[in-house]
Amino acid sequence: MKKVLEFLKKIISIVKNWIVANGIEGVLGLGLGLLLWSFGYKIWAGFAFGVFATRNWDLAKAWVLKVLK
């Protein structure tokens, strides 16, 4: 049971750090994209997912540059 709790704490920490690093633009882009897509607005959802992808690309690029240095 202790290992399960440690694993859950680790997962929650990873998710929390991702949300903090992603900022309001990324989180809202993902949420709004899913909401719009569920209502059938696929083109508008594409724009929202684009914001989400752009923000995550910035995070991935910064991480790779940090690892390379």
PDB file of N, CA and C in Angstrom:
ATOM      1  N   MET A   1       0.824  -1.198   0.000  1.00  0.00           N
ATOM      2  CA  MET A   1       0.000   0.000   0.000  1.00  0.00           C
ATOM      3  C   MET A   1       0.867   1.260   0.000  1.00  0.00           C
ATOM      4  N   LYS A   2       1.998   1.173   0.687  1.00  0.00           N
ATOM      5  CA  LYS A   2       2.875   2.334   0.767  1.00  0.00           C
ATOM      6  C   LYS A   2       3.456   2.676  -0.604  1.00  0.00           C
ATOM      7  N   LYS A   3       3.791   1.641  -1.397  1.00  0.00           N
ATOM      8  CA  LYS A   3       4.333   1.869  -2.735  1.00  0.00           C
ATOM      9  C   LYS A   3       3.289   2.489  -3.654  1.00  0.00           C
ATOM     10  N   VAL A   4       2.043   2.087  -3.482  1.00  0.00           N
ATOM     11  CA  VAL A   4       0.961   2.645  -4.298  1.00  0.00           C
ATOM     12  C   VAL A   4       0.792   4.123  -3.995  1.00  0.00           C
ATOM     13  N   LEU A   5       0.827   4.485  -2.719  1.00  0.00           N
ATOM     14  CA  LEU A   5       0.693   5.896  -2.335  1.00  0.00           C
ATOM     15  C   LEU A   5       1.864   6.724  -2.853  1.00  0.00           C
ATOM     16  N   GLU A   6       3.075   6.167  -2.772  1.00  0.00           N
ATOM     17  CA  GLU A   6       4.234   6.882  -3.302  1.00  0.00           C
ATOM     18  C   GLU A   6       4.113   7.075  -4.809  1.00  0.00           C
ATOM     19  N   PHE A   7       3.636   6.046  -5.506  1.00  0.00           N
ATOM     20  CA  PHE A   7       3.441   6.136  -6.949  1.00  0.00           C
ATOM     21  C   PHE A   7       2.403   7.212  -7.292  1.00  0.00           C
ATOM     22  N   LEU A   8       1.289   7.222  -6.562  1.00  0.00           N
ATOM     23  CA  LEU A   8       0.252   8.235  -6.808  1.00  0.00           C
ATOM     24  C   LEU A   8       0.761   9.635  -6.530  1.00  0.00           C
ATOM     25  N   LYS A   9       1.537   9.801  -5.468  1.00  0.00           N
ATOM     26  CA  LYS A   9       2.114  11.115  -5.163  1.00  0.00           C
ATOM     27  C   LYS A   9       3.046  11.566  -6.280  1.00  0.00           C
ATOM     28  N   LYS A  10       3.809  10.614  -6.826  1.00  0.00           N
ATOM     29  CA  LYS A  10       4.726  10.941  -7.913  1.00  0.00           C
ATOM     30  C   LYS A  10       3.951  11.376  -9.162  1.00  0.00           C
ATOM     31  N   ILE A  11       2.886  10.661  -9.487  1.00  0.00           N
ATOM     32  CA  ILE A  11       2.060  10.998 -10.652  1.00  0.00           C
ATOM     33  C   ILE A  11       1.409  12.368 -10.468  1.00  0.00           C
ATOM     34  N   ILE A  12       0.866  12.622  -9.284  1.00  0.00           N
ATOM     35  CA  ILE A  12       0.233  13.921  -9.010  1.00  0.00           C
ATOM     36  C   ILE A  12       1.253  15.038  -9.118  1.00  0.00           C
ATOM     37  N   SER A  13       2.462  14.801  -8.640  1.00  0.00           N
ATOM     38  CA  SER A  13       3.513  15.806  -8.728  1.00  0.00           C
ATOM     39  C   SER A  13       3.883  16.091 -10.181  1.00  0.00           C
ATOM     40  N   ILE A  14       3.975  15.043 -10.989  1.00  0.00           N
ATOM     41  CA  ILE A  14       4.301  15.229 -12.410  1.00  0.00           C
ATOM     42  C   ILE A  14       3.213  16.026 -13.116  1.00  0.00           C
ATOM     43  N   VAL A  15       1.948  15.697 -12.858  1.00  0.00           N
ATOM     44  CA  VAL A  15       0.831  16.404 -13.482  1.00  0.00           C
ATOM     45  C   VAL A  15       0.807  17.863 -13.037  1.00  0.00           C
ATOM     46  N   LYS A  16       1.009  18.089 -11.737  1.00  0.00           N
ATOM     47  CA  LYS A  16       1.009  19.463 -11.214  1.00  0.00           C
ATOM     48  C   LYS A  16       2.133  20.287 -11.841  1.00  0.00           C
ATOM     49  N   ASN A  17       3.319  19.703 -11.934  1.00  0.00           N
ATOM     50  CA  ASN A  17       4.447  20.416 -12.543  1.00  0.00           C
ATOM     51  C   ASN A  17       4.203  20.696 -14.020  1.00  0.00           C
ATOM     52  N   TRP A  18       3.541  19.768 -14.719  1.00  0.00           N
ATOM     53  CA  TRP A  18       3.224  19.995 -16.129  1.00  0.00           C
ATOM     54  C   TRP A  18       2.244  21.155 -16.273  1.00  0.00           C
ATOM     55  N   ILE A  19       1.235  21.200 -15.408  1.00  0.00           N
ATOM     56  CA  ILE A  19       0.245  22.281 -15.472  1.00  0.00           C
ATOM     57  C   ILE A  19       0.899  23.615 -15.173  1.00  0.00           C
ATOM     58  N   VAL A  20       1.767  23.656 -14.172  1.00  0.00           N
ATOM     59  CA  VAL A  20       2.451  24.903 -13.834  1.00  0.00           C
ATOM     60  C   VAL A  20       3.357  25.340 -14.982  1.00  0.00           C
ATOM     61  N   ALA A  21       4.099  24.406 -15.573  1.00  0.00           N
ATOM     62  CA  ALA A  21       5.005  24.753 -16.669  1.00  0.00           C
ATOM     63  C   ALA A  21       4.241  25.141 -17.923  1.00  0.00           C
ATOM     64  N   ASN A  22       3.111  24.510 -18.166  1.00  0.00           N
ATOM     65  CA  ASN A  22       2.335  24.752 -19.377  1.00  0.00           C
ATOM     66  C   ASN A  22       1.630  26.102 -19.332  1.00  0.00           C
ATOM     67  N   GLY A  23       1.279  26.543 -18.183  1.00  0.00           N
ATOM     68  CA  GLY A  23       0.621  27.826 -18.050  1.00  0.00           C
ATOM     69  C   GLY A  23      -0.841  27.762 -18.438  1.00  0.00           C
ATOM     70  N   ILE A  24      -1.485  28.889 -18.328  1.00  0.00           N
ATOM     71  CA  ILE A  24      -2.923  28.971 -18.574  1.00  0.00           C
ATOM     72  C   ILE A  24      -3.239  28.741 -20.050  1.00  0.00           C
ATOM     73  N   GLU A  25      -2.331  29.142 -20.953  1.00  0.00           N
ATOM     74  CA  GLU A  25      -2.604  28.984 -22.381  1.00  0.00           C
ATOM     75  C   GLU A  25      -2.693  27.516 -22.771  1.00  0.00           C
ATOM     76  N   GLY A  26      -1.743  26.738 -22.309  1.00  0.00           N
ATOM     77  CA  GLY A  26      -1.732  25.318 -22.669  1.00  0.00           C
ATOM     78  C   GLY A  26      -2.890  24.548 -22.077  1.00  0.00           C
ATOM     79  N   VAL A  27      -3.162  24.790 -20.807  1.00  0.00           N
ATOM     80  CA  VAL A  27      -4.252  24.065 -20.138  1.00  0.00           C
ATOM     81  C   VAL A  27      -5.593  24.451 -20.733  1.00  0.00           C
ATOM     82  N   LEU A  28      -5.807  25.742 -20.965  1.00  0.00           N
ATOM     83  CA  LEU A  28      -7.067  26.168 -21.575  1.00  0.00           C
ATOM     84  C   LEU A  28      -7.171  25.696 -23.027  1.00  0.00           C
ATOM     85  N   GLY A  29      -6.052  25.657 -23.731  1.00  0.00           N
ATOM     86  CA  GLY A  29      -6.072  25.158 -25.107  1.00  0.00           C
ATOM     87  C   GLY A  29      -6.524  23.711 -25.163  1.00  0.00           C
ATOM     88  N   LEU A  30      -6.015  22.904 -24.246  1.00  0.00           N
ATOM     89  CA  LEU A  30      -6.420  21.500 -24.204  1.00  0.00           C
ATOM     90  C   LEU A  30      -7.880  21.363 -23.804  1.00  0.00           C
ATOM     91  N   GLY A  31      -8.281  22.048 -22.739  1.00  0.00           N
ATOM     92  CA  GLY A  31      -9.667  21.952 -22.265  1.00  0.00           C
ATOM     93  C   GLY A  31     -10.664  22.477 -23.280  1.00  0.00           C
ATOM     94  N   LEU A  32     -10.367  23.623 -23.838  1.00  0.00           N
ATOM     95  CA  LEU A  32     -11.266  24.211 -24.825  1.00  0.00           C
ATOM     96  C   LEU A  32     -11.318  23.366 -26.096  1.00  0.00           C
ATOM     97  N   GLY A  33     -10.177  22.817 -26.494  1.00  0.00           N
ATOM     98  CA  GLY A  33     -10.154  21.953 -27.669  1.00  0.00           C
ATOM     99  C   GLY A  33     -11.016  20.716 -27.483  1.00  0.00           C
ATOM    100  N   LEU A  34     -10.905  20.089 -26.328  1.00  0.00           N
ATOM    101  CA  LEU A  34     -11.731  18.905 -26.054  1.00  0.00           C
ATOM    102  C   LEU A  34     -13.214  19.261 -25.992  1.00  0.00           C
ATOM    103  N   LEU A  35     -13.528  20.393 -25.387  1.00  0.00           N
ATOM    104  CA  LEU A  35     -14.921  20.823 -25.280  1.00  0.00           C
ATOM    105  C   LEU A  35     -15.509  21.138 -26.654  1.00  0.00           C
ATOM    106  N   LEU A  36     -14.776  21.899 -27.454  1.00  0.00           N
ATOM    107  CA  LEU A  36     -15.265  22.247 -28.785  1.00  0.00           C
ATOM    108  C   LEU A  36     -15.399  21.022 -29.675  1.00  0.00           C
ATOM    109  N   TRP A  37     -14.455  20.111 -29.570  1.00  0.00           N
ATOM    110  CA  TRP A  37     -14.505  18.911 -30.390  1.00  0.00           C
ATOM    111  C   TRP A  37     -15.696  18.043 -30.007  1.00  0.00           C
ATOM    112  N   SER A  38     -16.000  17.989 -28.717  1.00  0.00           N
ATOM    113  CA  SER A  38     -17.139  17.177 -28.279  1.00  0.00           C
ATOM    114  C   SER A  38     -18.465  17.762 -28.762  1.00  0.00           C
ATOM    115  N   PHE A  39     -18.507  19.077 -28.989  1.00  0.00           N
ATOM    116  CA  PHE A  39     -19.727  19.707 -29.500  1.00  0.00           C
ATOM    117  C   PHE A  39     -19.755  19.770 -31.021  1.00  0.00           C
ATOM    118  N   GLY A  40     -18.723  19.262 -31.682  1.00  0.00           N
ATOM    119  CA  GLY A  40     -18.721  19.176 -33.136  1.00  0.00           C
ATOM    120  C   GLY A  40     -18.045  20.336 -33.847  1.00  0.00           C
ATOM    121  N   TYR A  41     -17.434  21.243 -33.125  1.00  0.00           N
ATOM    122  CA  TYR A  41     -16.732  22.373 -33.736  1.00  0.00           C
ATOM    123  C   TYR A  41     -15.276  21.986 -33.974  1.00  0.00           C
ATOM    124  N   LYS A  42     -15.050  21.161 -35.000  1.00  0.00           N
ATOM    125  CA  LYS A  42     -13.733  20.573 -35.191  1.00  0.00           C
ATOM    126  C   LYS A  42     -12.693  21.579 -35.669  1.00  0.00           C
ATOM    127  N   ILE A  43     -13.088  22.543 -36.446  1.00  0.00           N
ATOM    128  CA  ILE A  43     -12.124  23.538 -36.923  1.00  0.00           C
ATOM    129  C   ILE A  43     -11.660  24.415 -35.771  1.00  0.00           C
ATOM    130  N   TRP A  44     -12.605  24.886 -34.962  1.00  0.00           N
ATOM    131  CA  TRP A  44     -12.238  25.708 -33.800  1.00  0.00           C
ATOM    132  C   TRP A  44     -11.443  24.900 -32.785  1.00  0.00           C
ATOM    133  N   ALA A  45     -11.778  23.626 -32.651  1.00  0.00           N
ATOM    134  CA  ALA A  45     -11.018  22.754 -31.754  1.00  0.00           C
ATOM    135  C   ALA A  45      -9.581  22.615 -32.260  1.00  0.00           C
ATOM    136  N   GLY A  46      -9.410  22.598 -33.562  1.00  0.00           N
ATOM    137  CA  GLY A  46      -8.069  22.533 -34.138  1.00  0.00           C
ATOM    138  C   GLY A  46      -7.225  23.735 -33.756  1.00  0.00           C
ATOM    139  N   PHE A  47      -7.832  24.921 -33.758  1.00  0.00           N
ATOM    140  CA  PHE A  47      -7.104  26.112 -33.319  1.00  0.00           C
ATOM    141  C   PHE A  47      -6.703  26.005 -31.851  1.00  0.00           C
ATOM    142  N   ALA A  48      -7.629  25.529 -31.018  1.00  0.00           N
ATOM    143  CA  ALA A  48      -7.333  25.378 -29.588  1.00  0.00           C
ATOM    144  C   ALA A  48      -6.231  24.342 -29.371  1.00  0.00           C
ATOM    145  N   PHE A  49      -6.293  23.226 -30.097  1.00  0.00           N
ATOM    146  CA  PHE A  49      -5.233  22.220 -29.980  1.00  0.00           C
ATOM    147  C   PHE A  49      -3.908  22.757 -30.507  1.00  0.00           C
ATOM    148  N   GLY A  50      -3.963  23.654 -31.463  1.00  0.00           N
ATOM    149  CA  GLY A  50      -2.744  24.283 -31.965  1.00  0.00           C
ATOM    150  C   GLY A  50      -2.050  25.102 -30.891  1.00  0.00           C
ATOM    151  N   VAL A  51      -2.821  25.831 -30.112  1.00  0.00           N
ATOM    152  CA  VAL A  51      -2.260  26.587 -28.986  1.00  0.00           C
ATOM    153  C   VAL A  51      -1.633  25.627 -27.985  1.00  0.00           C
ATOM    154  N   PHE A  52      -2.336  24.537 -27.693  1.00  0.00           N
ATOM    155  CA  PHE A  52      -1.833  23.536 -26.777  1.00  0.00           C
ATOM    156  C   PHE A  52      -0.529  22.926 -27.297  1.00  0.00           C
ATOM    157  N   ALA A  53      -0.491  22.576 -28.554  1.00  0.00           N
ATOM    158  CA  ALA A  53       0.700  21.954 -29.136  1.00  0.00           C
ATOM    159  C   ALA A  53       1.870  22.930 -29.170  1.00  0.00           C
ATOM    160  N   THR A  54       1.598  24.182 -29.480  1.00  0.00           N
ATOM    161  CA  THR A  54       2.656  25.185 -29.525  1.00  0.00           C
ATOM    162  C   THR A  54       3.284  25.364 -28.158  1.00  0.00           C
ATOM    163  N   ARG A  55       2.457  25.434 -27.144  1.00  0.00           N
ATOM    164  CA  ARG A  55       2.984  25.602 -25.782  1.00  0.00           C
ATOM    165  C   ARG A  55       3.803  24.394 -25.361  1.00  0.00           C
ATOM    166  N   ASN A  56       3.341  23.196 -25.687  1.00  0.00           N
ATOM    167  CA  ASN A  56       4.092  21.999 -25.327  1.00  0.00           C
ATOM    168  C   ASN A  56       5.375  21.883 -26.148  1.00  0.00           C
ATOM    169  N   TRP A  57       5.352  22.351 -27.387  1.00  0.00           N
ATOM    170  CA  TRP A  57       6.555  22.347 -28.197  1.00  0.00           C
ATOM    171  C   TRP A  57       7.619  23.253 -27.567  1.00  0.00           C
ATOM    172  N   ASP A  58       7.195  24.399 -27.056  1.00  0.00           N
ATOM    173  CA  ASP A  58       8.130  25.298 -26.386  1.00  0.00           C
ATOM    174  C   ASP A  58       8.760  24.616 -25.166  1.00  0.00           C
ATOM    175  N   LEU A  59       7.956  23.888 -24.404  1.00  0.00           N
ATOM    176  CA  LEU A  59       8.472  23.174 -23.236  1.00  0.00           C
ATOM    177  C   LEU A  59       9.451  22.084 -23.652  1.00  0.00           C
ATOM    178  N   ALA A  60       9.102  21.315 -24.687  1.00  0.00           N
ATOM    179  CA  ALA A  60       9.971  20.235 -25.148  1.00  0.00           C
ATOM    180  C   ALA A  60      11.286  20.786 -25.701  1.00  0.00           C
ATOM    181  N   LYS A  61      11.206  21.881 -26.445  1.00  0.00           N
ATOM    182  CA  LYS A  61      12.411  22.478 -27.019  1.00  0.00           C
ATOM    183  C   LYS A  61      13.334  22.990 -25.912  1.00  0.00           C
ATOM    184  N   ALA A  62      12.772  23.638 -24.891  1.00  0.00           N
ATOM    185  CA  ALA A  62      13.572  24.129 -23.780  1.00  0.00           C
ATOM    186  C   ALA A  62      14.226  22.982 -23.022  1.00  0.00           C
ATOM    187  N   TRP A  63      13.504  21.886 -22.865  1.00  0.00           N
ATOM    188  CA  TRP A  63      14.055  20.726 -22.165  1.00  0.00           C
ATOM    189  C   TRP A  63      15.216  20.110 -22.942  1.00  0.00           C
ATOM    190  N   VAL A  64      15.054  19.962 -24.260  1.00  0.00           N
ATOM    191  CA  VAL A  64      16.109  19.387 -25.090  1.00  0.00           C
ATOM    192  C   VAL A  64      17.342  20.288 -25.073  1.00  0.00           C
ATOM    193  N   LEU A  65      17.143  21.579 -25.165  1.00  0.00           N
ATOM    194  CA  LEU A  65      18.281  22.492 -25.128  1.00  0.00           C
ATOM    195  C   LEU A  65      18.995  22.438 -23.787  1.00  0.00           C
ATOM    196  N   LYS A  66      18.231  22.276 -22.714  1.00  0.00           N
ATOM    197  CA  LYS A  66      18.828  22.168 -21.386  1.00  0.00           C
ATOM    198  C   LYS A  66      19.641  20.877 -21.262  1.00  0.00           C
ATOM    199  N   VAL A  67      19.118  19.795 -21.820  1.00  0.00           N
ATOM    200  CA  VAL A  67      19.830  18.509 -21.756  1.00  0.00           C
ATOM    201  C   VAL A  67      21.111  18.556 -22.585  1.00  0.00           C
ATOM    202  N   LEU A  68      21.069  19.228 -23.725  1.00  0.00           N
ATOM    203  CA  LEU A  68      22.242  19.291 -24.594  1.00  0.00           C
ATOM    204  C   LEU A  68      23.362  20.159 -24.034  1.00  0.00           C
ATOM    205  N   LYS A  69      23.034  21.111 -23.180  1.00  0.00           N
ATOM    206  CA  LYS A  69      24.071  22.006 -22.637  1.00  0.00           C
ATOM    207  C   LYS A  69      24.747  21.425 -21.456  1.00  0.00           C
TER     208      LYS A  69
END
